Structures are given as C-alpha cells and as structure tokens.
Amino acid sequence: MIRFAASIMCANQLELKNELKRLEDAHIDMLHCDVMDGVFVNNLAMGPYVIERIKEFTKIPLDIHFATVEPEKFIKMFLHIKPEFISFHAETTKDYYKIVRLIKDEGIKASIAISPDTSIDVIKSVLKDLDMVLIMTVNPGFSGQSFRSYVIEKIKRVKEICSNEGINPLIEVDGSINEKTIPKVIEAGANVLVLGTSSIFNTKTVDYSYYIRNIKNSL
C-alpha cells in the first residue's frame, strides 16, 4: 500500500489550521514535519511547540524528520509528542543503534534518512532494526529543488538489500515528488511519498482532496 505524507513546512504557515483541516478532508496518510537546526542544513524549521499544537489539532499521524546535528539531543526534545515515525540523518552520527533504541523505547517507529549523495551501505548493518528508511531525492534543507534522478538506483538498492535479508521496512522518499516522479519512485520500491511544493502545495492546487484522489486513482 502506498502512503502519502504532506510536508508541513511547505504549507501556508499563516493558515496552518485551515491547511490541516483540508489535509484531513483529503485523507492524507501522514504529516511530514521537518526539524532543521541551521547547522546540518542552512535553514531553520519547526520546534516542539508548533508540532505539539499540530498533534493536539489533528489525528493525522506525524512523521518527524530531523535534519540536525546532534540528533539525540534534538530527538529527546520531541519524544513526548509521540509521532508515528522519527527519522534522523545517517550523516550526523555513527551511533545508529543507540538512537534507534532511544526512539523505539518510547514506542515510536525508527527511521534513518540518507541524503542523495550518501551511500546506502553506511546503514546496511542497521536496516534490520528500522521501521522505515527515508531517502532524500533532493538535498535536505529547502523545498523547490529539482529531483535527483540518480537516486532511483539507491531506492532499488535499498529494496534489493531488504528483499535479500528478508526484512520489510517502509521506504520513504522526499523531494520533488509529483505526478512525473511518483511512477518512477514507486516502480523502484518506494511506498511512502512526501508531497510538497511541486505537488499538493503547488500554488495551482486548489482542492487537496481532488488532488490526492486523482493520484491514488492513477496508481
């Protein structure tokens, strides 16, 4: 089953309650919340207070993506929110197991994110302990970038490794996921798709429900 997550940093921040209601009406599967520290990426986004309010307002499951250095420190600030998923970047730590255990001990599903130019081999040994792998199809930090087509091979590689090892973590993709790239990433093995400015939050998209329904019908 393909799941769709809406990237909240791409929504209209001045109309966030209305945006959340529209996403509920569209039956979006998850809300993808990016936490950025201005160090790992050259941008700042989403502190715990905002995500707490989102959790209070909606029943849509949360998927928090930490694009930060010192992931353990930042993750601890958000554990009480109890999202469905927490992702941290492979490039920011070597102690994958410790952070995965920190997340899972709170009953939260653990995921590791990898940037477009990071080899999947760096997390191969920990794949069996993950509930999801987040593969960035653009460089993390800013929306509106072009899709990195070479990442398709990385998605296939993750799928192949997991199949060979008899494990089945979800494979999430984030970055320029739209009508043109959705068939490619699904064929490669992705099953959680993050939608942002090139798709659901495109200024031409008026009706989120209509948009999601059309995408699902096209699969």
C-alpha atoms as a PDB file:
ATOM      1  CA  MET A   1       0.000   0.000   0.000  1.00  0.00           C
ATOM      2  CA  ILE A   2       1.267   3.461  -0.912  1.00  0.00           C
ATOM      3  CA  ARG A   3       1.079   6.102   1.819  1.00  0.00           C
ATOM      4  CA  PHE A   4       1.162   9.845   1.210  1.00  0.00           C
ATOM      5  CA  ALA A   5       2.655  12.349   3.658  1.00  0.00           C
ATOM      6  CA  ALA A   6       2.173  16.115   3.368  1.00  0.00           C
ATOM      7  CA  SER A   7       5.281  18.218   4.032  1.00  0.00           C
ATOM      8  CA  ILE A   8       4.060  20.755   6.571  1.00  0.00           C
ATOM      9  CA  MET A   9       6.942  23.189   6.040  1.00  0.00           C
ATOM     10  CA  CYS A  10       5.561  23.650   2.503  1.00  0.00           C
ATOM     11  CA  ALA A  11       2.051  24.523   3.716  1.00  0.00           C
ATOM     12  CA  ASN A  12       0.817  28.090   4.238  1.00  0.00           C
ATOM     13  CA  GLN A  13       2.160  28.771   7.729  1.00  0.00           C
ATOM     14  CA  LEU A  14      -0.236  31.691   8.287  1.00  0.00           C
ATOM     15  CA  GLU A  15      -3.195  29.399   7.575  1.00  0.00           C
ATOM     16  CA  LEU A  16      -1.922  26.247   9.246  1.00  0.00           C
ATOM     17  CA  LYS A  17      -5.183  25.251  10.964  1.00  0.00           C
ATOM     18  CA  ASN A  18      -7.064  25.571   7.695  1.00  0.00           C
ATOM     19  CA  GLU A  19      -4.330  23.665   5.888  1.00  0.00           C
ATOM     20  CA  LEU A  20      -4.550  20.817   8.405  1.00  0.00           C
ATOM     21  CA  LYS A  21      -8.325  20.663   8.038  1.00  0.00           C
ATOM     22  CA  ARG A  22      -8.015  20.483   4.249  1.00  0.00           C
ATOM     23  CA  LEU A  23      -5.454  17.688   4.574  1.00  0.00           C
ATOM     24  CA  GLU A  24      -7.785  15.789   6.908  1.00  0.00           C
ATOM     25  CA  ASP A  25     -10.587  16.152   4.371  1.00  0.00           C
ATOM     26  CA  ALA A  26      -8.212  14.831   1.693  1.00  0.00           C
ATOM     27  CA  HIS A  27      -7.487  11.751   3.858  1.00  0.00           C
ATOM     28  CA  ILE A  28      -3.738  12.332   3.759  1.00  0.00           C
ATOM     29  CA  ASP A  29      -1.957   9.442   5.481  1.00  0.00           C
ATOM     30  CA  MET A  30       0.703  11.344   7.427  1.00  0.00           C
ATOM     31  CA  LEU A  31       2.058  14.795   8.181  1.00  0.00           C
ATOM     32  CA  HIS A  32       5.783  15.106   7.472  1.00  0.00           C
ATOM     33  CA  CYS A  33       7.331  17.631   9.882  1.00  0.00           C
ATOM     34  CA  ASP A  34      10.885  18.820   9.222  1.00  0.00           C
ATOM     35  CA  VAL A  35      13.034  19.896  12.166  1.00  0.00           C
ATOM     36  CA  MET A  36      16.067  21.883  10.971  1.00  0.00           C
ATOM     37  CA  ASP A  37      18.817  23.405  13.088  1.00  0.00           C
ATOM     38  CA  GLY A  38      20.576  25.812  10.713  1.00  0.00           C
ATOM     39  CA  VAL A  39      23.772  23.744  11.050  1.00  0.00           C
ATOM     40  CA  PHE A  40      23.260  20.419   9.286  1.00  0.00           C
ATOM     41  CA  VAL A  41      21.206  22.355   6.736  1.00  0.00           C
ATOM     42  CA  ASN A  42      21.232  26.085   6.082  1.00  0.00           C
ATOM     43  CA  ASN A  43      17.658  26.587   7.233  1.00  0.00           C
ATOM     44  CA  LEU A  44      15.543  26.586  10.396  1.00  0.00           C
ATOM     45  CA  ALA A  45      12.213  24.829  10.786  1.00  0.00           C
ATOM     46  CA  MET A  46       9.657  23.559  13.283  1.00  0.00           C
ATOM     47  CA  GLY A  47      10.279  23.479  17.008  1.00  0.00           C
ATOM     48  CA  PRO A  48       8.472  21.248  19.512  1.00  0.00           C
ATOM     49  CA  TYR A  49       5.840  23.858  20.418  1.00  0.00           C
ATOM     50  CA  VAL A  50       4.477  24.031  16.871  1.00  0.00           C
ATOM     51  CA  ILE A  51       4.451  20.264  16.412  1.00  0.00           C
ATOM     52  CA  GLU A  52       2.746  19.823  19.807  1.00  0.00           C
ATOM     53  CA  ARG A  53      -0.046  22.139  18.644  1.00  0.00           C
ATOM     54  CA  ILE A  54      -0.367  20.210  15.388  1.00  0.00           C
ATOM     55  CA  LYS A  55      -0.658  16.945  17.349  1.00  0.00           C
ATOM     56  CA  GLU A  56      -3.401  18.481  19.510  1.00  0.00           C
ATOM     57  CA  PHE A  57      -5.326  19.753  16.496  1.00  0.00           C
ATOM     58  CA  THR A  58      -5.352  16.677  14.261  1.00  0.00           C
ATOM     59  CA  LYS A  59      -5.438  12.899  14.465  1.00  0.00           C
ATOM     60  CA  ILE A  60      -3.292  12.505  11.343  1.00  0.00           C
ATOM     61  CA  PRO A  61      -0.136  10.536  12.281  1.00  0.00           C
ATOM     62  CA  LEU A  62       3.070  12.550  12.472  1.00  0.00           C
ATOM     63  CA  ASP A  63       6.333  11.738  10.713  1.00  0.00           C
ATOM     64  CA  ILE A  64       9.153  13.896  12.150  1.00  0.00           C
ATOM     65  CA  HIS A  65      12.341  14.254  10.111  1.00  0.00           C
ATOM     66  CA  PHE A  66      15.363  15.617  11.990  1.00  0.00           C
ATOM     67  CA  ALA A  67      17.777  17.412   9.657  1.00  0.00           C
ATOM     68  CA  THR A  68      20.044  18.348  12.560  1.00  0.00           C
ATOM     69  CA  VAL A  69      23.444  17.700  14.025  1.00  0.00           C
ATOM     70  CA  GLU A  70      23.407  16.055  17.461  1.00  0.00           C
ATOM     71  CA  PRO A  71      20.217  14.132  16.633  1.00  0.00           C
ATOM     72  CA  GLU A  72      19.994  12.525  20.062  1.00  0.00           C
ATOM     73  CA  LYS A  73      19.763  15.927  21.765  1.00  0.00           C
ATOM     74  CA  PHE A  74      17.043  17.184  19.432  1.00  0.00           C
ATOM     75  CA  ILE A  75      15.056  13.949  19.370  1.00  0.00           C
ATOM     76  CA  LYS A  76      14.789  13.956  23.176  1.00  0.00           C
ATOM     77  CA  MET A  77      13.005  17.327  22.937  1.00  0.00           C
ATOM     78  CA  PHE A  78      10.230  15.760  20.831  1.00  0.00           C
ATOM     79  CA  LEU A  79       9.745  12.246  22.229  1.00  0.00           C
ATOM     80  CA  HIS A  80       6.789  13.294  24.410  1.00  0.00           C
ATOM     81  CA  ILE A  81       4.852  14.241  21.271  1.00  0.00           C
ATOM     82  CA  LYS A  82       4.703  10.554  20.286  1.00  0.00           C
ATOM     83  CA  PRO A  83       4.782  10.785  16.492  1.00  0.00           C
ATOM     84  CA  GLU A  84       4.374   7.607  14.478  1.00  0.00           C
ATOM     85  CA  PHE A  85       7.852   7.940  12.947  1.00  0.00           C
ATOM     86  CA  ILE A  86      11.108   9.700  13.777  1.00  0.00           C
ATOM     87  CA  SER A  87      13.869   9.924  11.164  1.00  0.00           C
ATOM     88  CA  PHE A  88      17.422  11.127  11.783  1.00  0.00           C
ATOM     89  CA  HIS A  89      20.235  11.540   9.280  1.00  0.00           C
ATOM     90  CA  ALA A  90      22.922   8.922   8.790  1.00  0.00           C
ATOM     91  CA  GLU A  91      25.399  11.718   8.103  1.00  0.00           C
ATOM     92  CA  THR A  92      25.063  13.174  11.617  1.00  0.00           C
ATOM     93  CA  THR A  93      26.097  10.244  13.830  1.00  0.00           C
ATOM     94  CA  LYS A  94      27.866   6.894  13.887  1.00  0.00           C
ATOM     95  CA  ASP A  95      25.880   5.586  16.846  1.00  0.00           C
ATOM     96  CA  TYR A  96      22.818   4.451  14.898  1.00  0.00           C
ATOM     97  CA  TYR A  97      21.833   1.704  17.309  1.00  0.00           C
ATOM     98  CA  LYS A  98      21.770   3.979  20.356  1.00  0.00           C
ATOM     99  CA  ILE A  99      19.453   6.487  18.686  1.00  0.00           C
ATOM    100  CA  VAL A 100      17.221   3.811  17.161  1.00  0.00           C
ATOM    101  CA  ARG A 101      16.844   2.294  20.637  1.00  0.00           C
ATOM    102  CA  LEU A 102      16.097   5.721  22.141  1.00  0.00           C
ATOM    103  CA  ILE A 103      13.247   6.132  19.659  1.00  0.00           C
ATOM    104  CA  LYS A 104      11.852   2.607  19.922  1.00  0.00           C
ATOM    105  CA  ASP A 105      11.929   2.603  23.727  1.00  0.00           C
ATOM    106  CA  GLU A 106       9.254   5.318  23.535  1.00  0.00           C
ATOM    107  CA  GLY A 107       7.042   3.188  21.300  1.00  0.00           C
ATOM    108  CA  ILE A 108       7.898   5.268  18.228  1.00  0.00           C
ATOM    109  CA  LYS A 109       8.899   3.791  14.869  1.00  0.00           C
ATOM    110  CA  ALA A 110      12.523   4.454  13.922  1.00  0.00           C
ATOM    111  CA  SER A 111      13.840   5.591  10.565  1.00  0.00           C
ATOM    112  CA  ILE A 112      17.186   6.737   9.201  1.00  0.00           C
ATOM    113  CA  ALA A 113      17.394   9.373   6.462  1.00  0.00           C
ATOM    114  CA  ILE A 114      20.116   9.487   3.833  1.00  0.00           C
ATOM    115  CA  SER A 115      20.949  12.412   1.561  1.00  0.00           C
ATOM    116  CA  PRO A 116      21.216  11.927  -2.222  1.00  0.00           C
ATOM    117  CA  ASP A 117      24.996  11.519  -2.241  1.00  0.00           C
ATOM    118  CA  THR A 118      25.226   9.221   0.793  1.00  0.00           C
ATOM    119  CA  SER A 119      25.767   5.521   0.121  1.00  0.00           C
ATOM    120  CA  ILE A 120      23.128   3.140   1.411  1.00  0.00           C
ATOM    121  CA  ASP A 121      25.978   0.913   2.577  1.00  0.00           C
ATOM    122  CA  VAL A 122      26.552   3.153   5.618  1.00  0.00           C
ATOM    123  CA  ILE A 123      23.259   1.965   7.133  1.00  0.00           C
ATOM    124  CA  LYS A 124      23.179  -1.560   5.712  1.00  0.00           C
ATOM    125  CA  SER A 125      24.001  -3.153   9.070  1.00  0.00           C
ATOM    126  CA  VAL A 126      21.163  -1.391  10.899  1.00  0.00           C
ATOM    127  CA  LEU A 127      18.420  -1.872   8.289  1.00  0.00           C
ATOM    128  CA  LYS A 128      17.001  -4.878  10.139  1.00  0.00           C
ATOM    129  CA  ASP A 129      16.261  -2.646  13.148  1.00  0.00           C
ATOM    130  CA  LEU A 130      14.469   0.077  11.191  1.00  0.00           C
ATOM    131  CA  ASP A 131      10.773   0.540  10.551  1.00  0.00           C
ATOM    132  CA  MET A 132      11.456   2.881   7.640  1.00  0.00           C
ATOM    133  CA  VAL A 133      14.259   4.323   5.523  1.00  0.00           C
ATOM    134  CA  LEU A 134      13.919   7.918   4.301  1.00  0.00           C
ATOM    135  CA  ILE A 135      15.716   8.517   1.017  1.00  0.00           C
ATOM    136  CA  MET A 136      16.109  12.175   0.106  1.00  0.00           C
ATOM    137  CA  THR A 137      15.580  12.801  -3.601  1.00  0.00           C
ATOM    138  CA  VAL A 138      16.828  16.389  -3.217  1.00  0.00           C
ATOM    139  CA  ASN A 139      19.396  17.844  -0.840  1.00  0.00           C
ATOM    140  CA  PRO A 140      17.766  18.429   2.563  1.00  0.00           C
ATOM    141  CA  GLY A 141      17.053  21.977   3.685  1.00  0.00           C
ATOM    142  CA  PHE A 142      14.902  23.755   1.128  1.00  0.00           C
ATOM    143  CA  SER A 143      11.818  22.952  -0.921  1.00  0.00           C
ATOM    144  CA  GLY A 144      11.529  23.624  -4.636  1.00  0.00           C
ATOM    145  CA  GLN A 145      14.669  21.758  -5.774  1.00  0.00           C
ATOM    146  CA  SER A 146      14.892  19.509  -8.819  1.00  0.00           C
ATOM    147  CA  PHE A 147      14.528  15.748  -8.469  1.00  0.00           C
ATOM    148  CA  ARG A 148      17.859  13.880  -8.413  1.00  0.00           C
ATOM    149  CA  SER A 149      17.154  11.108 -10.900  1.00  0.00           C
ATOM    150  CA  TYR A 150      20.232   9.087  -9.906  1.00  0.00           C
ATOM    151  CA  VAL A 151      18.616   8.417  -6.522  1.00  0.00           C
ATOM    152  CA  ILE A 152      16.266   5.964  -8.255  1.00  0.00           C
ATOM    153  CA  GLU A 153      19.102   3.427  -8.223  1.00  0.00           C
ATOM    154  CA  LYS A 154      19.520   3.960  -4.487  1.00  0.00           C
ATOM    155  CA  ILE A 155      15.836   3.194  -3.890  1.00  0.00           C
ATOM    156  CA  LYS A 156      16.222  -0.002  -5.912  1.00  0.00           C
ATOM    157  CA  ARG A 157      19.340  -0.897  -3.925  1.00  0.00           C
ATOM    158  CA  VAL A 158      17.531  -0.494  -0.590  1.00  0.00           C
ATOM    159  CA  LYS A 159      14.668  -2.635  -1.861  1.00  0.00           C
ATOM    160  CA  GLU A 160      17.113  -5.289  -3.077  1.00  0.00           C
ATOM    161  CA  ILE A 161      19.047  -5.432   0.203  1.00  0.00           C
ATOM    162  CA  CYS A 162      15.858  -5.676   2.242  1.00  0.00           C
ATOM    163  CA  SER A 163      14.477  -8.410  -0.001  1.00  0.00           C
ATOM    164  CA  ASN A 164      17.697 -10.408   0.248  1.00  0.00           C
ATOM    165  CA  GLU A 165      17.704 -10.109   4.040  1.00  0.00           C
ATOM    166  CA  GLY A 166      14.007 -10.918   4.407  1.00  0.00           C
ATOM    167  CA  ILE A 167      13.135  -7.588   6.020  1.00  0.00           C
ATOM    168  CA  ASN A 168      10.477  -5.108   5.003  1.00  0.00           C
ATOM    169  CA  PRO A 169      10.953  -1.561   6.309  1.00  0.00           C
ATOM    170  CA  LEU A 170       8.943   1.132   4.593  1.00  0.00           C
ATOM    171  CA  ILE A 171      10.844   3.180   2.016  1.00  0.00           C
ATOM    172  CA  GLU A 172      10.023   6.877   2.134  1.00  0.00           C
ATOM    173  CA  VAL A 173      11.083   9.424  -0.479  1.00  0.00           C
ATOM    174  CA  ASP A 174      11.162  13.186  -0.019  1.00  0.00           C
ATOM    175  CA  GLY A 175      11.934  15.889  -2.556  1.00  0.00           C
ATOM    176  CA  SER A 176      10.174  16.946  -5.773  1.00  0.00           C
ATOM    177  CA  ILE A 177       7.678  14.083  -5.557  1.00  0.00           C
ATOM    178  CA  ASN A 178       4.933  14.827  -8.073  1.00  0.00           C
ATOM    179  CA  GLU A 179       2.953  13.391 -10.975  1.00  0.00           C
ATOM    180  CA  LYS A 180       6.118  12.952 -13.065  1.00  0.00           C
ATOM    181  CA  THR A 181       8.291  11.330 -10.409  1.00  0.00           C
ATOM    182  CA  ILE A 182       5.706   9.283  -8.478  1.00  0.00           C
ATOM    183  CA  PRO A 183       5.573   6.400 -11.018  1.00  0.00           C
ATOM    184  CA  LYS A 184       9.401   6.221 -11.044  1.00  0.00           C
ATOM    185  CA  VAL A 185       9.866   6.048  -7.276  1.00  0.00           C
ATOM    186  CA  ILE A 186       7.030   3.554  -6.807  1.00  0.00           C
ATOM    187  CA  GLU A 187       8.449   1.293  -9.521  1.00  0.00           C
ATOM    188  CA  ALA A 188      11.838   1.487  -7.767  1.00  0.00           C
ATOM    189  CA  GLY A 189      10.282   0.365  -4.471  1.00  0.00           C
ATOM    190  CA  ALA A 190       9.196   3.446  -2.523  1.00  0.00           C
ATOM    191  CA  ASN A 191       5.904   3.191  -0.643  1.00  0.00           C
ATOM    192  CA  VAL A 192       5.771   6.385   1.451  1.00  0.00           C
ATOM    193  CA  LEU A 193       5.749   9.559  -0.645  1.00  0.00           C
ATOM    194  CA  VAL A 194       6.254  13.041   0.802  1.00  0.00           C
ATOM    195  CA  LEU A 195       4.286  15.675  -1.111  1.00  0.00           C
ATOM    196  CA  GLY A 196       5.372  19.323  -1.066  1.00  0.00           C
ATOM    197  CA  THR A 197       5.628  22.412  -3.254  1.00  0.00           C
ATOM    198  CA  SER A 198       5.903  20.507  -6.532  1.00  0.00           C
ATOM    199  CA  SER A 199       2.640  18.674  -5.888  1.00  0.00           C
ATOM    200  CA  ILE A 200      -0.054  19.191  -3.259  1.00  0.00           C
ATOM    201  CA  PHE A 201       1.239  22.597  -2.111  1.00  0.00           C
ATOM    202  CA  ASN A 202       1.770  23.892  -5.626  1.00  0.00           C
ATOM    203  CA  THR A 203       0.051  27.282  -5.967  1.00  0.00           C
ATOM    204  CA  LYS A 204      -2.093  25.805  -8.753  1.00  0.00           C
ATOM    205  CA  THR A 205      -3.519  23.112  -6.460  1.00  0.00           C
ATOM    206  CA  VAL A 206      -6.853  24.375  -5.160  1.00  0.00           C
ATOM    207  CA  ASP A 207      -8.547  21.204  -3.929  1.00  0.00           C
ATOM    208  CA  TYR A 208      -6.334  18.849  -1.894  1.00  0.00           C
ATOM    209  CA  SER A 209      -8.999  16.138  -1.845  1.00  0.00           C
ATOM    210  CA  TYR A 210      -9.287  16.172  -5.625  1.00  0.00           C
ATOM    211  CA  TYR A 211      -5.505  16.099  -5.984  1.00  0.00           C
ATOM    212  CA  ILE A 212      -4.976  13.114  -3.665  1.00  0.00           C
ATOM    213  CA  ARG A 213      -7.905  11.227  -5.167  1.00  0.00           C
ATOM    214  CA  ASN A 214      -6.507  11.695  -8.677  1.00  0.00           C
ATOM    215  CA  ILE A 215      -3.047  10.491  -7.658  1.00  0.00           C
ATOM    216  CA  LYS A 216      -4.420   7.400  -5.933  1.00  0.00           C
ATOM    217  CA  ASN A 217      -6.661   6.602  -8.886  1.00  0.00           C
ATOM    218  CA  SER A 218      -3.675   6.808 -11.231  1.00  0.00           C
ATOM    219  CA  LEU A 219      -1.663   4.180  -9.345  1.00  0.00           C
END
